[in-house]
N, C-alpha and C. Protein backbone atom coordinates (compact mmCIF):
# COMPACT_ATOMS: atom_id res chain seq x y z
N MET A 1 101.34 80.88 176.06
CA MET A 1 101.69 80.12 175.47
C MET A 1 100.60 80.52 174.02
N ASP A 2 99.85 80.83 174.55
CA ASP A 2 99.07 81.89 173.81
C ASP A 2 99.70 82.40 173.00
N GLN A 3 101.39 83.27 173.39
CA GLN A 3 101.84 84.09 173.24
C GLN A 3 102.54 83.90 171.90
N GLY A 4 103.16 82.26 172.53
CA GLY A 4 104.59 80.97 170.98
C GLY A 4 102.78 81.20 170.22
N THR A 5 101.68 80.17 170.31
CA THR A 5 101.03 79.82 169.78
C THR A 5 101.09 80.92 167.98
N GLY A 6 100.56 82.39 169.32
CA GLY A 6 100.21 83.58 168.46
C GLY A 6 101.64 83.99 167.19
N GLY A 7 103.04 83.21 167.95
CA GLY A 7 104.14 84.55 167.11
C GLY A 7 104.22 83.32 165.90
N ARG A 8 103.92 81.55 166.33
CA ARG A 8 103.76 80.77 164.53
C ARG A 8 102.53 80.75 164.27
N GLU A 9 101.76 82.12 163.86
CA GLU A 9 100.12 82.07 162.98
C GLU A 9 101.37 82.99 162.86
N THR A 10 101.40 84.14 163.05
CA THR A 10 101.47 85.01 162.32
C THR A 10 103.23 84.48 161.64
N GLU A 11 103.73 84.11 161.79
CA GLU A 11 105.42 83.33 160.75
C GLU A 11 104.62 82.48 159.38
N GLU A 12 103.34 82.03 159.78
CA GLU A 12 102.51 80.78 158.93
C GLU A 12 102.70 81.61 157.99
N SER A 13 101.32 82.99 158.45
CA SER A 13 100.34 83.59 157.17
C SER A 13 101.84 84.61 156.51
N GLU A 14 102.68 84.92 157.35
CA GLU A 14 104.13 85.36 156.44
C GLU A 14 104.60 85.00 155.59
N LEU A 15 104.89 83.38 155.60
CA LEU A 15 104.72 82.29 155.33
C LEU A 15 104.06 82.42 153.91
N GLU A 16 102.55 82.00 154.57
CA GLU A 16 101.47 82.19 152.86
C GLU A 16 101.92 83.30 152.12
N ARG A 17 102.24 84.70 152.52
CA ARG A 17 101.72 85.82 152.08
C ARG A 17 103.76 86.21 151.07
N LYS A 18 104.39 85.58 151.57
CA LYS A 18 105.83 85.51 150.56
C LYS A 18 105.36 84.26 149.56
N ASP A 19 105.52 83.37 149.95
CA ASP A 19 104.63 81.69 149.01
C ASP A 19 103.88 83.13 147.88
N MET A 20 102.37 83.72 147.99
CA MET A 20 100.99 84.03 147.35
C MET A 20 101.90 84.93 146.38
N ASN A 21 103.16 86.19 147.25
CA ASN A 21 103.47 86.89 145.93
C ASN A 21 104.69 85.96 145.16
N GLN A 22 105.67 85.75 145.61
CA GLN A 22 105.94 85.00 144.66
C GLN A 22 104.92 83.44 143.14
N ILE A 23 104.21 82.97 144.37
CA ILE A 23 103.74 82.21 143.10
C ILE A 23 102.74 83.65 141.11
N GLU A 24 102.34 84.44 142.41
CA GLU A 24 102.11 85.70 141.41
C GLU A 24 102.68 86.08 140.72
N ARG A 25 104.13 86.55 140.93
CA ARG A 25 105.12 87.01 140.35
C ARG A 25 105.87 85.50 139.21
N ILE A 26 105.33 84.36 139.58
CA ILE A 26 105.55 83.60 138.89
C ILE A 26 104.94 83.67 137.57
N LYS A 27 103.28 83.34 137.88
CA LYS A 27 102.25 83.38 137.16
C LYS A 27 102.61 84.79 135.85
N LYS A 28 102.69 86.00 136.65
CA LYS A 28 102.86 87.26 135.67
C LYS A 28 103.84 87.46 135.17
N MET A 29 105.15 86.58 135.38
CA MET A 29 106.65 86.20 135.13
C MET A 29 106.57 84.95 133.32
N SER A 30 105.75 84.87 133.50
CA SER A 30 104.76 83.53 132.79
C SER A 30 104.18 83.82 131.92
N ALA A 31 103.21 84.53 131.58
CA ALA A 31 102.06 85.35 131.54
C ALA A 31 102.47 85.69 130.37
N MET A 32 103.97 86.47 130.69
CA MET A 32 104.68 88.03 129.66
C MET A 32 105.43 87.43 129.19
N LEU A 33 106.63 85.78 129.24
CA LEU A 33 106.53 85.46 128.38
C LEU A 33 106.07 85.07 127.21
N LYS A 34 104.95 84.39 127.47
CA LYS A 34 103.84 82.98 126.99
C LYS A 34 103.40 84.68 125.98
N SER A 35 103.53 86.03 126.25
CA SER A 35 102.97 86.74 125.43
C SER A 35 103.40 87.25 124.51
N SER A 36 104.78 87.57 124.73
CA SER A 36 106.38 88.55 123.99
C SER A 36 106.73 87.00 123.33
N GLN A 37 106.61 85.30 123.72
CA GLN A 37 106.65 84.33 122.17
C GLN A 37 105.70 84.82 121.20
N GLU A 38 104.81 85.45 121.60
CA GLU A 38 103.48 85.36 120.41
C GLU A 38 103.66 86.69 119.91
N ALA A 39 104.29 87.59 120.40
CA ALA A 39 104.19 89.29 120.08
C ALA A 39 105.48 88.72 118.89
N CYS A 40 106.22 87.88 118.87
CA CYS A 40 108.18 87.50 118.21
C CYS A 40 107.86 87.50 117.67
N THR A 41 107.23 85.76 117.97
CA THR A 41 106.38 85.11 116.35
C THR A 41 105.59 85.40 115.41
N ASP A 42 104.18 86.16 115.94
CA ASP A 42 103.80 86.95 115.23
C ASP A 42 104.59 87.95 114.21
N LEU A 43 105.52 88.44 114.59
CA LEU A 43 105.84 89.40 114.15
C LEU A 43 107.50 89.01 112.64
N GLU A 44 108.06 87.72 113.68
CA GLU A 44 108.52 86.74 113.05
C GLU A 44 107.78 86.44 111.55
N THR A 45 106.35 86.73 111.44
CA THR A 45 105.62 85.95 110.69
C THR A 45 105.93 86.50 109.27
N ALA A 46 105.43 87.69 109.85
CA ALA A 46 105.07 89.11 109.49
C ALA A 46 106.20 89.66 108.41
N MET A 47 106.93 89.31 109.28
CA MET A 47 109.08 89.56 108.74
C MET A 47 108.99 88.81 107.39
N ASN A 48 108.75 87.99 107.77
CA ASN A 48 108.77 87.05 106.42
C ASN A 48 107.96 87.18 105.30
N GLN A 49 106.91 87.41 105.62
CA GLN A 49 105.13 88.11 104.93
C GLN A 49 105.65 88.89 103.73
N LEU A 50 106.96 90.09 104.89
CA LEU A 50 106.69 91.32 103.76
C LEU A 50 108.16 91.46 103.49
N ALA A 51 109.15 90.25 104.09
CA ALA A 51 110.06 89.80 102.89
C ALA A 51 109.67 89.82 101.10
N GLU A 52 108.89 88.44 101.75
CA GLU A 52 108.66 87.83 100.44
C GLU A 52 107.90 88.57 99.24
N ALA A 53 106.88 89.97 99.61
CA ALA A 53 106.04 91.05 99.84
C ALA A 53 106.98 92.04 99.23
N LEU A 54 108.32 92.32 99.48
CA LEU A 54 109.60 93.45 99.26
C LEU A 54 109.49 93.17 97.90
N GLU A 55 109.99 92.21 97.91
CA GLU A 55 110.89 90.87 97.11
C GLU A 55 109.76 90.61 95.61
N LYS A 56 109.63 90.30 95.72
CA LYS A 56 107.62 90.69 94.56
C LYS A 56 107.68 91.95 93.61
N TYR A 57 107.48 93.00 94.90
CA TYR A 57 107.35 94.64 94.29
C TYR A 57 108.52 94.83 94.27
N GLU A 58 109.59 94.88 94.32
CA GLU A 58 110.72 94.92 93.67
C GLU A 58 111.08 94.71 92.16
N GLY A 59 110.48 93.15 92.44
CA GLY A 59 111.01 92.85 90.64
C GLY A 59 109.04 93.48 89.62
N GLU A 60 108.43 94.21 90.39
CA GLU A 60 107.78 95.37 89.32
C GLU A 60 108.54 96.40 89.13
N ILE A 61 109.14 96.94 90.01
CA ILE A 61 109.80 98.96 90.09
C ILE A 61 109.51 98.94 88.49
N ASP A 62 111.04 98.27 87.65
CA ASP A 62 110.95 98.25 86.77
C ASP A 62 109.26 98.80 84.99
N ASN A 63 109.01 97.78 85.98
CA ASN A 63 106.82 97.40 85.17
C ASN A 63 106.54 98.95 85.73
N MET A 64 106.65 99.47 86.69
CA MET A 64 105.60 100.87 87.44
C MET A 64 106.77 102.01 86.53
N ASP A 65 107.68 101.60 85.96
CA ASP A 65 108.34 102.72 86.19
C ASP A 65 107.86 102.41 84.32
N GLU A 66 107.64 101.86 84.11
CA GLU A 66 107.28 102.00 82.33
C GLU A 66 105.69 102.80 82.40
N LEU A 67 105.13 101.80 82.77
CA LEU A 67 103.71 102.34 83.30
C LEU A 67 103.41 103.61 83.46
N SER A 68 104.67 104.06 84.70
CA SER A 68 104.20 105.89 84.36
C SER A 68 104.54 106.44 83.43
N ALA A 69 105.34 105.81 82.62
CA ALA A 69 106.53 106.63 81.09
C ALA A 69 104.71 106.89 80.45
N TYR A 70 104.36 105.92 79.85
CA TYR A 70 103.56 105.55 79.83
C TYR A 70 102.54 106.26 79.64
N TYR A 71 101.62 106.57 80.86
CA TYR A 71 100.54 106.95 80.66
C TYR A 71 100.70 108.77 81.05
N ASP A 72 102.19 109.02 80.89
CA ASP A 72 102.22 110.19 80.84
C ASP A 72 102.58 110.60 79.36
N SER A 73 102.73 110.03 78.31
CA SER A 73 103.41 109.83 77.02
C SER A 73 101.42 110.26 75.59
N GLU A 74 102.48 110.27 74.80
CA GLU A 74 101.60 111.11 74.22
C GLU A 74 100.63 108.98 73.13
N ASP A 75 101.69 108.48 73.94
CA ASP A 75 101.10 107.31 73.17
C ASP A 75 99.23 106.59 73.90
N TRP A 76 99.57 107.06 75.43
CA TRP A 76 99.12 106.91 75.90
C TRP A 76 97.52 107.49 76.18
N LEU A 77 98.20 108.61 75.39
CA LEU A 77 96.19 109.88 74.70
C LEU A 77 96.01 108.57 73.50
N LYS A 78 96.82 108.95 72.33
CA LYS A 78 96.37 108.03 71.16
C LYS A 78 96.06 107.16 71.77
N ASP A 79 96.89 106.31 72.37
CA ASP A 79 95.52 104.37 72.51
C ASP A 79 93.91 104.60 73.65
N PHE A 80 94.04 106.25 74.07
CA PHE A 80 93.24 105.93 75.10
C PHE A 80 91.58 106.61 74.26
N ALA A 81 92.32 107.34 73.34
CA ALA A 81 91.17 108.53 72.60
C ALA A 81 90.63 107.40 71.54
N ASP A 82 91.30 106.07 70.63
CA ASP A 82 91.88 105.02 69.78
C ASP A 82 90.31 104.66 71.15
N ASP A 83 91.16 103.95 71.91
CA ASP A 83 89.37 102.73 72.16
C ASP A 83 88.33 103.74 73.04
N GLU A 84 88.01 104.76 72.75
CA GLU A 84 87.06 105.59 72.93
C GLU A 84 86.40 105.56 71.74
N ALA A 85 86.77 105.65 71.04
CA ALA A 85 86.68 105.54 68.86
C ALA A 85 86.06 104.34 68.68
N GLY A 86 86.54 103.38 69.45
CA GLY A 86 86.21 101.64 68.96
C GLY A 86 87.07 101.76 68.32
N LEU A 87 87.83 102.61 68.32
CA LEU A 87 89.82 101.41 67.12
C LEU A 87 90.03 100.57 67.79
N ILE A 88 90.59 100.40 68.95
CA ILE A 88 90.88 99.52 69.33
C ILE A 88 89.86 97.30 69.79
N PRO A 89 90.08 96.65 69.75
CA PRO A 89 89.48 94.92 69.35
C PRO A 89 88.88 94.78 71.85
N GLU A 90 87.78 94.68 71.05
CA GLU A 90 86.98 94.43 72.94
C GLU A 90 87.73 93.85 73.47
N ASP A 91 87.89 92.40 72.63
CA ASP A 91 88.46 91.26 73.38
C ASP A 91 89.67 91.62 73.78
N ILE A 92 90.70 92.50 73.81
CA ILE A 92 91.77 92.20 74.65
C ILE A 92 91.48 93.23 75.90
N ASP A 93 92.86 93.26 76.88
CA ASP A 93 92.58 93.58 78.72
C ASP A 93 92.92 95.03 77.79
N ARG A 94 92.46 95.86 78.45
CA ARG A 94 92.73 97.36 77.96
C ARG A 94 92.85 98.45 79.37
N GLY A 95 93.40 97.40 80.77
CA GLY A 95 92.76 98.25 81.54
C GLY A 95 94.50 99.00 81.33
N ALA A 96 94.21 99.13 80.92
CA ALA A 96 96.21 100.10 81.12
C ALA A 96 95.42 101.71 80.33
N LEU A 97 94.36 101.15 79.92
CA LEU A 97 93.70 102.45 79.67
C LEU A 97 92.11 103.38 80.01
N SER A 98 92.62 102.60 81.20
CA SER A 98 90.99 103.29 82.26
C SER A 98 91.82 104.38 82.79
N GLU A 99 91.42 106.02 82.82
CA GLU A 99 91.55 107.09 83.55
C GLU A 99 92.27 106.88 85.01
N ASP A 100 91.07 105.74 85.25
CA ASP A 100 91.89 105.53 87.33
C ASP A 100 92.86 104.02 87.27
N GLY A 101 93.14 103.64 86.39
CA GLY A 101 93.76 102.49 86.79
C GLY A 101 95.39 102.37 87.17
N ILE A 102 95.97 103.34 85.84
CA ILE A 102 97.77 103.32 86.20
C ILE A 102 97.99 104.65 87.41
N TYR A 103 97.22 105.71 87.24
CA TYR A 103 96.61 106.77 88.44
C TYR A 103 97.44 106.37 89.89
N ASN A 104 95.79 104.80 89.60
CA ASN A 104 95.67 104.91 91.20
C ASN A 104 96.85 104.10 91.33
N LEU A 105 97.64 102.95 90.64
CA LEU A 105 99.33 102.15 90.86
C LEU A 105 100.08 103.03 91.17
N LEU A 106 100.01 104.59 90.54
CA LEU A 106 101.20 105.47 91.34
C LEU A 106 100.70 105.77 92.57
N SER A 107 99.43 106.32 93.05
CA SER A 107 99.21 106.45 94.19
C SER A 107 99.83 105.39 95.03
N ASP A 108 98.83 104.09 94.90
CA ASP A 108 99.49 103.23 95.90
C ASP A 108 100.93 103.36 95.76
N ARG A 109 101.93 103.07 95.00
CA ARG A 109 103.09 103.44 95.76
C ARG A 109 104.18 103.99 95.91
N LYS A 110 103.26 105.43 96.39
CA LYS A 110 103.13 106.33 96.55
C LYS A 110 103.07 106.49 98.32
N GLY A 111 101.97 105.67 98.18
CA GLY A 111 102.35 105.25 99.48
C GLY A 111 102.47 104.43 100.27
N VAL A 112 103.17 103.29 100.04
CA VAL A 112 103.95 101.75 100.00
C VAL A 112 105.28 102.66 100.17
N GLU A 113 105.61 103.46 99.54
CA GLU A 113 107.10 104.21 99.16
C GLU A 113 107.21 104.84 100.48
N GLU A 114 106.55 105.68 101.35
CA GLU A 114 106.36 106.03 102.18
C GLU A 114 105.91 105.36 103.40
N ILE A 115 105.11 104.45 103.48
CA ILE A 115 105.06 103.43 104.71
C ILE A 115 107.11 102.81 104.94
N LEU A 116 107.41 102.58 103.80
CA LEU A 116 109.26 101.26 103.49
C LEU A 116 109.98 102.69 104.26
N THR A 117 109.76 103.87 104.20
CA THR A 117 110.27 105.09 105.07
C THR A 117 110.06 105.19 105.99
N GLN A 118 108.65 104.99 106.68
CA GLN A 118 108.64 105.71 107.99
C GLN A 118 109.39 104.03 108.67
N ILE A 119 109.43 102.83 108.35
CA ILE A 119 109.68 101.48 108.45
C ILE A 119 111.41 101.28 108.38
N LYS A 120 111.70 102.16 107.35
CA LYS A 120 113.22 102.00 107.46
C LYS A 120 114.11 103.01 108.47
N ALA A 121 112.78 103.86 109.01
CA ALA A 121 113.63 105.39 110.02
C ALA A 121 113.20 104.65 112.16
N TYR A 122 112.14 103.74 111.83
CA TYR A 122 112.32 103.01 112.87
C TYR A 122 113.43 102.36 113.40
N LEU A 123 113.30 101.34 111.98
CA LEU A 123 114.45 99.81 111.92
C LEU A 123 115.67 101.00 112.19
N LEU A 124 115.78 102.47 111.99
CA LEU A 124 117.16 102.23 112.18
C LEU A 124 117.38 103.26 113.54
N SER A 125 116.26 102.72 114.44
CA SER A 125 116.18 104.13 115.95
C SER A 125 116.10 102.76 116.66
N VAL A 126 116.02 102.21 116.52
CA VAL A 126 116.00 100.95 117.81
C VAL A 126 117.96 100.21 117.77
C-alpha cells in the first residue's frame, strides 16, 4: 500500500513541478510582453518627436546654408569689425556676429548629419 501512495505522491509532485514550470513560463512571457510593449511605445514616442524635429530642421537648412555663406564672406568680417568698433547699434541682436555662434551651429549641424547617417544605415540594415 505504501508503494501505491508513494507513486501518487511522486505523480502529484511532478504535476506541481510541471504547473510551476508553466506558471514561471507564463510569468516570464508576460514580463517579456510588458517590457516589449513599453519599448515599442517609447520608440514610437521618440520617433514622433524625431519626425517633428526633422521637419523643423529641414525647414532651417536654407537658413543654415545662408549663415554658412555669410560667415565665410567679407560681409561678416566687415560687420564684425564694425561691431568691434562700436558702429553697430547695441540695441539690436548681434548674435550672428559672435565669433563662436555660427561656427558652433555649423559644427552642431555636422554632428547631427553624422547621427542621421548612422540612423539611415541602421534602418537600411534591419
